[in-house]
Amino acid sequence: MAVPLQAKTYTHIGSDPEIADGKPIIVGTRITVRCIAGYYQMGMSVDEILTTLPHLTPSQVHSALAYYFDHQEEVDMDLAESSDVEFWKAQIAPHPNQKAPNV
């Protein structure tokens, strides 16, 4: 007899529309799963991530990585969008004292 699948819960992962546009974050922080995934993709170990973000616990980082692996396509897309340098350059308003470049 097959057992129905239950929705997975991630103890330390939540979202808040007021933080990071509602993207998944580590509860009680403003650290996104995207941030942890980015460090992981750069080759950082959990210990190195914890050294970089010493206010996190190992279980918070592991929970973020578990969420990442279970939602990899979604998080990777978010990571790619947030890393789009040309997009972010276009979001910058010129300083009021800055002259427009000569074209």
C-alpha atoms as a PDB file:
ATOM      1  CA  MET A   1       0.000   0.000   0.000  1.00  0.00           C
ATOM      2  CA  ALA A   2       1.425   3.364  -1.006  1.00  0.00           C
ATOM      3  CA  VAL A   3       1.791   6.081   1.581  1.00  0.00           C
ATOM      4  CA  PRO A   4       0.829   9.572   0.385  1.00  0.00           C
ATOM      5  CA  LEU A   5       3.633  12.121   0.243  1.00  0.00           C
ATOM      6  CA  GLN A   6       3.523  14.860   2.808  1.00  0.00           C
ATOM      7  CA  ALA A   7       4.585  18.421   2.176  1.00  0.00           C
ATOM      8  CA  LYS A   8       8.110  18.992   3.416  1.00  0.00           C
ATOM      9  CA  THR A   9       8.753  21.536   6.085  1.00  0.00           C
ATOM     10  CA  TYR A  10      12.055  23.260   6.705  1.00  0.00           C
ATOM     11  CA  THR A  11      12.497  24.122  10.364  1.00  0.00           C
ATOM     12  CA  HIS A  12      14.574  27.252   9.847  1.00  0.00           C
ATOM     13  CA  ILE A  13      13.177  28.461   6.515  1.00  0.00           C
ATOM     14  CA  GLY A  14      10.323  30.901   6.059  1.00  0.00           C
ATOM     15  CA  SER A  15       9.351  33.942   4.070  1.00  0.00           C
ATOM     16  CA  ASP A  16       8.164  37.435   4.814  1.00  0.00           C
ATOM     17  CA  PRO A  17       6.826  39.761   2.129  1.00  0.00           C
ATOM     18  CA  GLU A  18       8.679  42.608   3.872  1.00  0.00           C
ATOM     19  CA  ILE A  19      12.054  40.849   3.509  1.00  0.00           C
ATOM     20  CA  ALA A  20      13.708  40.049   0.167  1.00  0.00           C
ATOM     21  CA  ASP A  21      10.389  40.339  -1.696  1.00  0.00           C
ATOM     22  CA  GLY A  22       9.091  37.252   0.096  1.00  0.00           C
ATOM     23  CA  LYS A  23      11.910  34.983  -1.112  1.00  0.00           C
ATOM     24  CA  PRO A  24      12.816  32.116   1.245  1.00  0.00           C
ATOM     25  CA  ILE A  25      14.952  33.271   4.172  1.00  0.00           C
ATOM     26  CA  ILE A  26      16.439  31.830   7.320  1.00  0.00           C
ATOM     27  CA  VAL A  27      13.825  32.640   9.972  1.00  0.00           C
ATOM     28  CA  GLY A  28      14.859  35.422  12.330  1.00  0.00           C
ATOM     29  CA  THR A  29      17.390  36.810   9.844  1.00  0.00           C
ATOM     30  CA  ARG A  30      17.446  38.618   6.527  1.00  0.00           C
ATOM     31  CA  ILE A  31      19.695  35.911   5.033  1.00  0.00           C
ATOM     32  CA  THR A  32      18.120  34.367   1.946  1.00  0.00           C
ATOM     33  CA  VAL A  33      18.383  30.764   0.860  1.00  0.00           C
ATOM     34  CA  ARG A  34      19.732  32.296  -2.369  1.00  0.00           C
ATOM     35  CA  CYS A  35      22.670  33.717  -0.393  1.00  0.00           C
ATOM     36  CA  ILE A  36      23.525  30.344   1.158  1.00  0.00           C
ATOM     37  CA  ALA A  37      23.119  28.636  -2.239  1.00  0.00           C
ATOM     38  CA  GLY A  38      25.428  31.213  -3.818  1.00  0.00           C
ATOM     39  CA  TYR A  39      28.138  30.553  -1.255  1.00  0.00           C
ATOM     40  CA  TYR A  40      27.674  26.810  -1.762  1.00  0.00           C
ATOM     41  CA  GLN A  41      27.950  27.189  -5.551  1.00  0.00           C
ATOM     42  CA  MET A  42      31.208  29.123  -5.071  1.00  0.00           C
ATOM     43  CA  GLY A  43      32.580  25.999  -3.406  1.00  0.00           C
ATOM     44  CA  MET A  44      32.237  27.026   0.223  1.00  0.00           C
ATOM     45  CA  SER A  45      31.689  24.307   2.808  1.00  0.00           C
ATOM     46  CA  VAL A  46      29.144  24.629   5.612  1.00  0.00           C
ATOM     47  CA  ASP A  47      32.005  25.519   7.978  1.00  0.00           C
ATOM     48  CA  GLU A  48      33.191  28.268   5.622  1.00  0.00           C
ATOM     49  CA  ILE A  49      29.652  29.633   5.320  1.00  0.00           C
ATOM     50  CA  LEU A  50      29.417  29.648   9.121  1.00  0.00           C
ATOM     51  CA  THR A  51      32.713  31.526   9.335  1.00  0.00           C
ATOM     52  CA  THR A  52      31.364  34.103   6.881  1.00  0.00           C
ATOM     53  CA  LEU A  53      27.987  34.335   8.642  1.00  0.00           C
ATOM     54  CA  PRO A  54      28.896  33.575  12.285  1.00  0.00           C
ATOM     55  CA  HIS A  55      25.444  34.496  13.617  1.00  0.00           C
ATOM     56  CA  LEU A  56      23.970  31.412  11.908  1.00  0.00           C
ATOM     57  CA  THR A  57      23.901  27.919  13.376  1.00  0.00           C
ATOM     58  CA  PRO A  58      24.908  24.767  11.515  1.00  0.00           C
ATOM     59  CA  SER A  59      21.278  23.594  11.511  1.00  0.00           C
ATOM     60  CA  GLN A  60      20.159  26.872   9.881  1.00  0.00           C
ATOM     61  CA  VAL A  61      22.717  26.489   7.091  1.00  0.00           C
ATOM     62  CA  HIS A  62      21.881  22.812   6.576  1.00  0.00           C
ATOM     63  CA  SER A  63      18.171  23.650   6.464  1.00  0.00           C
ATOM     64  CA  ALA A  64      18.838  26.332   3.839  1.00  0.00           C
ATOM     65  CA  LEU A  65      20.856  23.855   1.781  1.00  0.00           C
ATOM     66  CA  ALA A  66      18.121  21.205   2.115  1.00  0.00           C
ATOM     67  CA  TYR A  67      15.584  23.741   0.875  1.00  0.00           C
ATOM     68  CA  TYR A  68      17.939  24.673  -1.957  1.00  0.00           C
ATOM     69  CA  PHE A  69      18.403  21.062  -3.093  1.00  0.00           C
ATOM     70  CA  ASP A  70      14.641  20.445  -2.987  1.00  0.00           C
ATOM     71  CA  HIS A  71      13.903  23.677  -4.910  1.00  0.00           C
ATOM     72  CA  GLN A  72      17.097  23.992  -6.930  1.00  0.00           C
ATOM     73  CA  GLU A  73      15.559  25.216 -10.185  1.00  0.00           C
ATOM     74  CA  GLU A  74      13.602  27.983  -8.430  1.00  0.00           C
ATOM     75  CA  VAL A  75      16.555  29.115  -6.285  1.00  0.00           C
ATOM     76  CA  ASP A  76      19.009  28.955  -9.201  1.00  0.00           C
ATOM     77  CA  MET A  77      16.676  31.150 -11.266  1.00  0.00           C
ATOM     78  CA  ASP A  78      16.437  33.635  -8.382  1.00  0.00           C
ATOM     79  CA  LEU A  79      20.225  33.568  -7.996  1.00  0.00           C
ATOM     80  CA  ALA A  80      20.725  34.221 -11.717  1.00  0.00           C
ATOM     81  CA  GLU A  81      18.265  37.125 -11.669  1.00  0.00           C
ATOM     82  CA  SER A  82      19.888  38.680  -8.606  1.00  0.00           C
ATOM     83  CA  SER A  83      23.326  38.329 -10.230  1.00  0.00           C
ATOM     84  CA  ASP A  84      22.354  40.099 -13.457  1.00  0.00           C
ATOM     85  CA  VAL A  85      24.829  42.999 -13.359  1.00  0.00           C
ATOM     86  CA  GLU A  86      23.284  44.838 -16.309  1.00  0.00           C
ATOM     87  CA  PHE A  87      19.862  44.724 -14.663  1.00  0.00           C
ATOM     88  CA  TRP A  88      21.213  46.199 -11.422  1.00  0.00           C
ATOM     89  CA  LYS A  89      23.169  48.875 -13.276  1.00  0.00           C
ATOM     90  CA  ALA A  90      19.920  49.933 -14.948  1.00  0.00           C
ATOM     91  CA  GLN A  91      18.273  50.292 -11.512  1.00  0.00           C
ATOM     92  CA  ILE A  92      20.778  52.889 -10.341  1.00  0.00           C
ATOM     93  CA  ALA A  93      19.520  56.442 -10.518  1.00  0.00           C
ATOM     94  CA  PRO A  94      22.181  58.968 -11.489  1.00  0.00           C
ATOM     95  CA  HIS A  95      23.407  61.301  -8.761  1.00  0.00           C
ATOM     96  CA  PRO A  96      21.720  64.729  -9.067  1.00  0.00           C
ATOM     97  CA  ASN A  97      25.135  66.410  -9.562  1.00  0.00           C
ATOM     98  CA  GLN A  98      26.280  63.885 -12.172  1.00  0.00           C
ATOM     99  CA  LYS A  99      26.204  65.041 -15.782  1.00  0.00           C
ATOM    100  CA  ALA A 100      24.849  62.788 -18.470  1.00  0.00           C
ATOM    101  CA  PRO A 101      27.646  61.126 -20.467  1.00  0.00           C
ATOM    102  CA  ASN A 102      28.469  62.557 -23.880  1.00  0.00           C
ATOM    103  CA  VAL A 103      27.325  60.168 -26.523  1.00  0.00           C
END
